[in-house]
């Protein structure tokens, strides 16, 4: 994925990581055989197709870590045009929201081949957050984020206990009033 300036800094990072740690020998062999670049096997759109066990994807379509460090890293915004938007999504301009919708669209496109797989669960909401499973407030509290009236914990339970379809994808921001937009305070101004 390119950042807002058209650079792709995350792929070279993972390429260097694979080389530095000698990780290639530990990556999925089927994935390695399907690509010329071993580092791609760190990315879900390449790795997931080779996972044979059931899995559940829990992510925000506007993952704050990806937004702040991959999509709009400080190097791509030296004048801070995105600072207010990064600190508060409601402060984003119309063009910034349109750009963020592109981030969401890219993620959903990457997940498209996995939709409908019976052993795969998915909860993709439109909250500005990262790691929504670690906090009771976002996992299973009375005011937790929901999709189709189910919390993350309930949908994971449906998937785990095979109680029917367990794949939910939210509408685009700002439609979800159940969101807890969790912007780490140390990210403000970055």
C-alpha atoms as a PDB file:
ATOM      1  CA  UNK A   1       0.000   0.000   0.000  1.00  0.00           C
ATOM      2  CA  UNK A   2       1.312   3.392  -0.918  1.00  0.00           C
ATOM      3  CA  UNK A   3       1.206   6.194   1.602  1.00  0.00           C
ATOM      4  CA  UNK A   4      -0.408   9.545   0.838  1.00  0.00           C
ATOM      5  CA  UNK A   5       2.746  10.767  -0.909  1.00  0.00           C
ATOM      6  CA  UNK A   6       2.847   7.752  -3.229  1.00  0.00           C
ATOM      7  CA  UNK A   7       5.686   5.971  -1.439  1.00  0.00           C
ATOM      8  CA  UNK A   8       5.504   2.432  -0.168  1.00  0.00           C
ATOM      9  CA  UNK A   9       7.660   2.278   2.933  1.00  0.00           C
ATOM     10  CA  UNK A  10       6.110  -0.770   4.585  1.00  0.00           C
ATOM     11  CA  UNK A  11       7.092  -3.338   1.964  1.00  0.00           C
ATOM     12  CA  UNK A  12      10.804  -2.449   2.067  1.00  0.00           C
ATOM     13  CA  UNK A  13      10.544  -2.539   5.865  1.00  0.00           C
ATOM     14  CA  UNK A  14       9.204  -6.104   5.828  1.00  0.00           C
ATOM     15  CA  UNK A  15      11.673  -7.118   3.142  1.00  0.00           C
ATOM     16  CA  UNK A  16      14.503  -5.905   5.393  1.00  0.00           C
ATOM     17  CA  UNK A  17      12.912  -7.625   8.379  1.00  0.00           C
ATOM     18  CA  UNK A  18      12.809 -10.985   6.588  1.00  0.00           C
ATOM     19  CA  UNK A  19      16.454 -10.592   5.559  1.00  0.00           C
ATOM     20  CA  UNK A  20      17.668  -9.347   8.948  1.00  0.00           C
ATOM     21  CA  UNK A  21      15.992 -12.078  10.960  1.00  0.00           C
ATOM     22  CA  UNK A  22      16.415 -14.865   8.430  1.00  0.00           C
ATOM     23  CA  UNK A  23      12.663 -15.362   8.658  1.00  0.00           C
ATOM     24  CA  UNK A  24      12.182 -16.817   5.190  1.00  0.00           C
ATOM     25  CA  UNK A  25      12.825 -20.357   6.423  1.00  0.00           C
ATOM     26  CA  UNK A  26       9.919 -19.970   8.878  1.00  0.00           C
ATOM     27  CA  UNK A  27       7.360 -18.596   6.443  1.00  0.00           C
ATOM     28  CA  UNK A  28       4.640 -20.752   4.935  1.00  0.00           C
ATOM     29  CA  UNK A  29       6.179 -22.824   2.130  1.00  0.00           C
ATOM     30  CA  UNK A  30       3.062 -22.664  -0.054  1.00  0.00           C
ATOM     31  CA  UNK A  31       3.100 -18.892   0.215  1.00  0.00           C
ATOM     32  CA  UNK A  32       6.807 -18.756  -0.602  1.00  0.00           C
ATOM     33  CA  UNK A  33       6.235 -20.930  -3.672  1.00  0.00           C
ATOM     34  CA  UNK A  34       3.505 -18.602  -4.913  1.00  0.00           C
ATOM     35  CA  UNK A  35       5.543 -15.386  -4.871  1.00  0.00           C
ATOM     36  CA  UNK A  36       9.006 -14.191  -5.828  1.00  0.00           C
ATOM     37  CA  UNK A  37       9.213 -11.914  -2.785  1.00  0.00           C
ATOM     38  CA  UNK A  38       9.270 -13.780   0.540  1.00  0.00           C
ATOM     39  CA  UNK A  39       8.344 -10.694   2.572  1.00  0.00           C
ATOM     40  CA  UNK A  40       4.905 -10.697   0.939  1.00  0.00           C
ATOM     41  CA  UNK A  41       4.074 -13.728   3.083  1.00  0.00           C
ATOM     42  CA  UNK A  42       3.816 -11.339   6.049  1.00  0.00           C
ATOM     43  CA  UNK A  43       0.809  -9.659   4.434  1.00  0.00           C
ATOM     44  CA  UNK A  44      -2.656 -11.171   4.954  1.00  0.00           C
ATOM     45  CA  UNK A  45      -3.709 -11.154   1.316  1.00  0.00           C
ATOM     46  CA  UNK A  46      -0.818 -13.543   0.627  1.00  0.00           C
ATOM     47  CA  UNK A  47      -0.651 -15.476   3.900  1.00  0.00           C
ATOM     48  CA  UNK A  48      -4.356 -16.193   4.458  1.00  0.00           C
ATOM     49  CA  UNK A  49      -4.817 -18.216   1.305  1.00  0.00           C
ATOM     50  CA  UNK A  50      -2.343 -20.748   2.697  1.00  0.00           C
ATOM     51  CA  UNK A  51      -3.839 -21.138   6.166  1.00  0.00           C
ATOM     52  CA  UNK A  52      -5.665 -24.432   6.489  1.00  0.00           C
ATOM     53  CA  UNK A  53      -7.087 -24.052  10.003  1.00  0.00           C
ATOM     54  CA  UNK A  54     -10.133 -21.893  10.787  1.00  0.00           C
ATOM     55  CA  UNK A  55      -9.285 -18.267  11.514  1.00  0.00           C
ATOM     56  CA  UNK A  56     -11.039 -15.086  12.576  1.00  0.00           C
ATOM     57  CA  UNK A  57     -10.123 -11.630  11.305  1.00  0.00           C
ATOM     58  CA  UNK A  58     -10.816  -8.786  13.706  1.00  0.00           C
ATOM     59  CA  UNK A  59      -9.809  -5.413  12.382  1.00  0.00           C
ATOM     60  CA  UNK A  60     -10.967  -1.903  11.860  1.00  0.00           C
ATOM     61  CA  UNK A  61     -11.247  -0.668   8.304  1.00  0.00           C
ATOM     62  CA  UNK A  62      -9.506   2.437   9.661  1.00  0.00           C
ATOM     63  CA  UNK A  63      -6.853   0.800  11.808  1.00  0.00           C
ATOM     64  CA  UNK A  64      -5.151   3.614  13.704  1.00  0.00           C
ATOM     65  CA  UNK A  65      -1.700   2.049  13.572  1.00  0.00           C
ATOM     66  CA  UNK A  66      -1.904   1.586   9.804  1.00  0.00           C
ATOM     67  CA  UNK A  67      -3.404   5.046   9.357  1.00  0.00           C
ATOM     68  CA  UNK A  68      -0.724   6.820  11.414  1.00  0.00           C
ATOM     69  CA  UNK A  69       2.373   4.785  10.532  1.00  0.00           C
ATOM     70  CA  UNK A  70       1.814   3.255   7.100  1.00  0.00           C
ATOM     71  CA  UNK A  71      -0.808   5.298   5.265  1.00  0.00           C
ATOM     72  CA  UNK A  72       0.089   8.751   6.663  1.00  0.00           C
ATOM     73  CA  UNK A  73       3.526   8.369   8.240  1.00  0.00           C
ATOM     74  CA  UNK A  74       5.250  11.560   9.396  1.00  0.00           C
ATOM     75  CA  UNK A  75       7.594  11.374   6.391  1.00  0.00           C
ATOM     76  CA  UNK A  76       4.655  11.717   3.997  1.00  0.00           C
ATOM     77  CA  UNK A  77       3.157  14.712   5.809  1.00  0.00           C
ATOM     78  CA  UNK A  78       6.077  16.988   6.759  1.00  0.00           C
ATOM     79  CA  UNK A  79       3.847  20.062   7.049  1.00  0.00           C
ATOM     80  CA  UNK A  80       1.303  18.354   9.277  1.00  0.00           C
ATOM     81  CA  UNK A  81      -1.728  18.720   7.016  1.00  0.00           C
ATOM     82  CA  UNK A  82      -3.070  15.476   8.472  1.00  0.00           C
ATOM     83  CA  UNK A  83      -2.320  16.222  12.145  1.00  0.00           C
ATOM     84  CA  UNK A  84      -5.834  17.308  13.115  1.00  0.00           C
ATOM     85  CA  UNK A  85      -7.404  14.441  11.177  1.00  0.00           C
ATOM     86  CA  UNK A  86      -5.072  11.913  12.807  1.00  0.00           C
ATOM     87  CA  UNK A  87      -5.925  13.252  16.269  1.00  0.00           C
ATOM     88  CA  UNK A  88      -9.677  13.401  15.653  1.00  0.00           C
ATOM     89  CA  UNK A  89     -11.388  11.742  12.679  1.00  0.00           C
ATOM     90  CA  UNK A  90     -14.283  14.201  12.896  1.00  0.00           C
ATOM     91  CA  UNK A  91     -11.768  16.957  12.067  1.00  0.00           C
ATOM     92  CA  UNK A  92     -10.833  15.361   8.733  1.00  0.00           C
ATOM     93  CA  UNK A  93     -11.575  17.341   5.610  1.00  0.00           C
ATOM     94  CA  UNK A  94     -13.812  15.940   2.904  1.00  0.00           C
ATOM     95  CA  UNK A  95     -10.788  15.069   0.776  1.00  0.00           C
ATOM     96  CA  UNK A  96      -9.066  13.370   3.726  1.00  0.00           C
ATOM     97  CA  UNK A  97     -12.176  11.279   4.377  1.00  0.00           C
ATOM     98  CA  UNK A  98     -12.230  10.333   0.692  1.00  0.00           C
ATOM     99  CA  UNK A  99      -8.580   9.293   0.964  1.00  0.00           C
ATOM    100  CA  UNK A 100      -9.347   7.219   4.069  1.00  0.00           C
ATOM    101  CA  UNK A 101     -12.224   5.567   2.223  1.00  0.00           C
ATOM    102  CA  UNK A 102      -9.575   4.424  -0.257  1.00  0.00           C
ATOM    103  CA  UNK A 103      -7.704   2.763   2.622  1.00  0.00           C
ATOM    104  CA  UNK A 104     -10.909   0.974   3.616  1.00  0.00           C
ATOM    105  CA  UNK A 105     -11.626  -0.056   0.026  1.00  0.00           C
ATOM    106  CA  UNK A 106      -8.135  -1.506  -0.388  1.00  0.00           C
ATOM    107  CA  UNK A 107      -8.576  -3.584   2.748  1.00  0.00           C
ATOM    108  CA  UNK A 108     -11.989  -4.867   1.708  1.00  0.00           C
ATOM    109  CA  UNK A 109     -10.671  -5.721  -1.751  1.00  0.00           C
ATOM    110  CA  UNK A 110      -7.853  -7.736  -0.158  1.00  0.00           C
ATOM    111  CA  UNK A 111     -10.396  -9.594   1.999  1.00  0.00           C
ATOM    112  CA  UNK A 112     -12.895 -10.266  -0.806  1.00  0.00           C
ATOM    113  CA  UNK A 113     -11.516 -13.714  -1.722  1.00  0.00           C
ATOM    114  CA  UNK A 114     -12.070 -14.879   1.863  1.00  0.00           C
ATOM    115  CA  UNK A 115     -15.666 -13.726   2.266  1.00  0.00           C
ATOM    116  CA  UNK A 116     -18.136 -16.545   2.532  1.00  0.00           C
ATOM    117  CA  UNK A 117     -15.587 -19.174   3.526  1.00  0.00           C
ATOM    118  CA  UNK A 118     -17.446 -21.195   6.161  1.00  0.00           C
ATOM    119  CA  UNK A 119     -14.482 -21.675   8.505  1.00  0.00           C
ATOM    120  CA  UNK A 120     -13.428 -18.048   8.395  1.00  0.00           C
ATOM    121  CA  UNK A 121     -14.862 -15.417  10.724  1.00  0.00           C
ATOM    122  CA  UNK A 122     -14.640 -11.689  10.251  1.00  0.00           C
ATOM    123  CA  UNK A 123     -15.527  -8.528  12.185  1.00  0.00           C
ATOM    124  CA  UNK A 124     -14.464  -5.450  10.223  1.00  0.00           C
ATOM    125  CA  UNK A 125     -15.841  -2.259  11.685  1.00  0.00           C
ATOM    126  CA  UNK A 126     -15.434   1.386  10.788  1.00  0.00           C
ATOM    127  CA  UNK A 127     -13.970   2.544  14.071  1.00  0.00           C
ATOM    128  CA  UNK A 128     -10.674   4.365  14.349  1.00  0.00           C
ATOM    129  CA  UNK A 129      -9.003   1.855  16.640  1.00  0.00           C
ATOM    130  CA  UNK A 130      -6.299  -0.787  16.906  1.00  0.00           C
ATOM    131  CA  UNK A 131      -6.409  -3.993  18.977  1.00  0.00           C
ATOM    132  CA  UNK A 132     -10.101  -4.024  19.842  1.00  0.00           C
ATOM    133  CA  UNK A 133      -9.960  -7.406  21.557  1.00  0.00           C
ATOM    134  CA  UNK A 134      -7.864  -6.355  24.519  1.00  0.00           C
ATOM    135  CA  UNK A 135     -10.356  -4.019  26.188  1.00  0.00           C
ATOM    136  CA  UNK A 136     -13.662  -5.013  27.766  1.00  0.00           C
ATOM    137  CA  UNK A 137     -15.109  -1.731  26.461  1.00  0.00           C
ATOM    138  CA  UNK A 138     -14.628  -2.826  22.874  1.00  0.00           C
ATOM    139  CA  UNK A 139     -14.973  -6.580  23.355  1.00  0.00           C
ATOM    140  CA  UNK A 140     -18.161  -7.252  25.321  1.00  0.00           C
ATOM    141  CA  UNK A 141     -19.391  -4.285  27.340  1.00  0.00           C
ATOM    142  CA  UNK A 142     -22.982  -3.034  27.133  1.00  0.00           C
ATOM    143  CA  UNK A 143     -21.828  -0.188  24.884  1.00  0.00           C
ATOM    144  CA  UNK A 144     -19.235  -2.126  22.863  1.00  0.00           C
ATOM    145  CA  UNK A 145     -19.069  -1.571  19.123  1.00  0.00           C
ATOM    146  CA  UNK A 146     -21.538  -3.783  17.295  1.00  0.00           C
ATOM    147  CA  UNK A 147     -22.209  -4.961  13.786  1.00  0.00           C
ATOM    148  CA  UNK A 148     -25.689  -6.239  13.052  1.00  0.00           C
ATOM    149  CA  UNK A 149     -26.405  -5.935  16.807  1.00  0.00           C
ATOM    150  CA  UNK A 150     -23.534  -8.247  17.779  1.00  0.00           C
ATOM    151  CA  UNK A 151     -20.451  -7.342  19.777  1.00  0.00           C
ATOM    152  CA  UNK A 152     -17.031  -8.610  18.808  1.00  0.00           C
ATOM    153  CA  UNK A 153     -17.216 -11.271  21.537  1.00  0.00           C
ATOM    154  CA  UNK A 154     -20.628 -12.467  20.372  1.00  0.00           C
ATOM    155  CA  UNK A 155     -19.533 -12.784  16.748  1.00  0.00           C
ATOM    156  CA  UNK A 156     -16.323 -14.571  17.750  1.00  0.00           C
ATOM    157  CA  UNK A 157     -18.489 -16.922  19.835  1.00  0.00           C
ATOM    158  CA  UNK A 158     -20.789 -17.576  16.871  1.00  0.00           C
ATOM    159  CA  UNK A 159     -17.745 -18.386  14.752  1.00  0.00           C
ATOM    160  CA  UNK A 160     -16.012 -20.540  17.362  1.00  0.00           C
ATOM    161  CA  UNK A 161     -19.110 -22.553  18.227  1.00  0.00           C
ATOM    162  CA  UNK A 162     -20.203 -22.747  14.571  1.00  0.00           C
ATOM    163  CA  UNK A 163     -23.545 -21.040  15.204  1.00  0.00           C
ATOM    164  CA  UNK A 164     -23.932 -19.786  11.659  1.00  0.00           C
ATOM    165  CA  UNK A 165     -22.390 -17.091   9.526  1.00  0.00           C
ATOM    166  CA  UNK A 166     -19.880 -15.041  11.471  1.00  0.00           C
ATOM    167  CA  UNK A 167     -18.739 -12.464   8.969  1.00  0.00           C
ATOM    168  CA  UNK A 168     -19.677  -8.835   9.361  1.00  0.00           C
ATOM    169  CA  UNK A 169     -18.332  -5.808   7.515  1.00  0.00           C
ATOM    170  CA  UNK A 170     -19.363  -2.336   8.585  1.00  0.00           C
ATOM    171  CA  UNK A 171     -20.499   0.523   6.407  1.00  0.00           C
ATOM    172  CA  UNK A 172     -18.041   3.339   5.703  1.00  0.00           C
ATOM    173  CA  UNK A 173     -17.110   5.979   8.295  1.00  0.00           C
ATOM    174  CA  UNK A 174     -18.912   7.857   9.849  1.00  0.00           C
ATOM    175  CA  UNK A 175     -21.951   5.579   9.791  1.00  0.00           C
ATOM    176  CA  UNK A 176     -21.292   3.472  12.916  1.00  0.00           C
ATOM    177  CA  UNK A 177     -22.528   5.205  16.059  1.00  0.00           C
ATOM    178  CA  UNK A 178     -21.329   2.319  18.264  1.00  0.00           C
ATOM    179  CA  UNK A 179     -17.648   3.016  17.582  1.00  0.00           C
ATOM    180  CA  UNK A 180     -15.096   3.780  20.238  1.00  0.00           C
ATOM    181  CA  UNK A 181     -12.576   5.786  18.272  1.00  0.00           C
ATOM    182  CA  UNK A 182      -9.396   5.040  20.184  1.00  0.00           C
ATOM    183  CA  UNK A 183      -6.646   7.434  19.172  1.00  0.00           C
ATOM    184  CA  UNK A 184      -3.620   6.928  21.439  1.00  0.00           C
ATOM    185  CA  UNK A 185      -2.652  10.231  23.036  1.00  0.00           C
ATOM    186  CA  UNK A 186       0.982   9.682  22.092  1.00  0.00           C
ATOM    187  CA  UNK A 187      -0.116   9.669  18.439  1.00  0.00           C
ATOM    188  CA  UNK A 188      -1.564  13.168  18.512  1.00  0.00           C
ATOM    189  CA  UNK A 189       0.518  15.480  16.384  1.00  0.00           C
ATOM    190  CA  UNK A 190       2.364  12.640  14.653  1.00  0.00           C
END
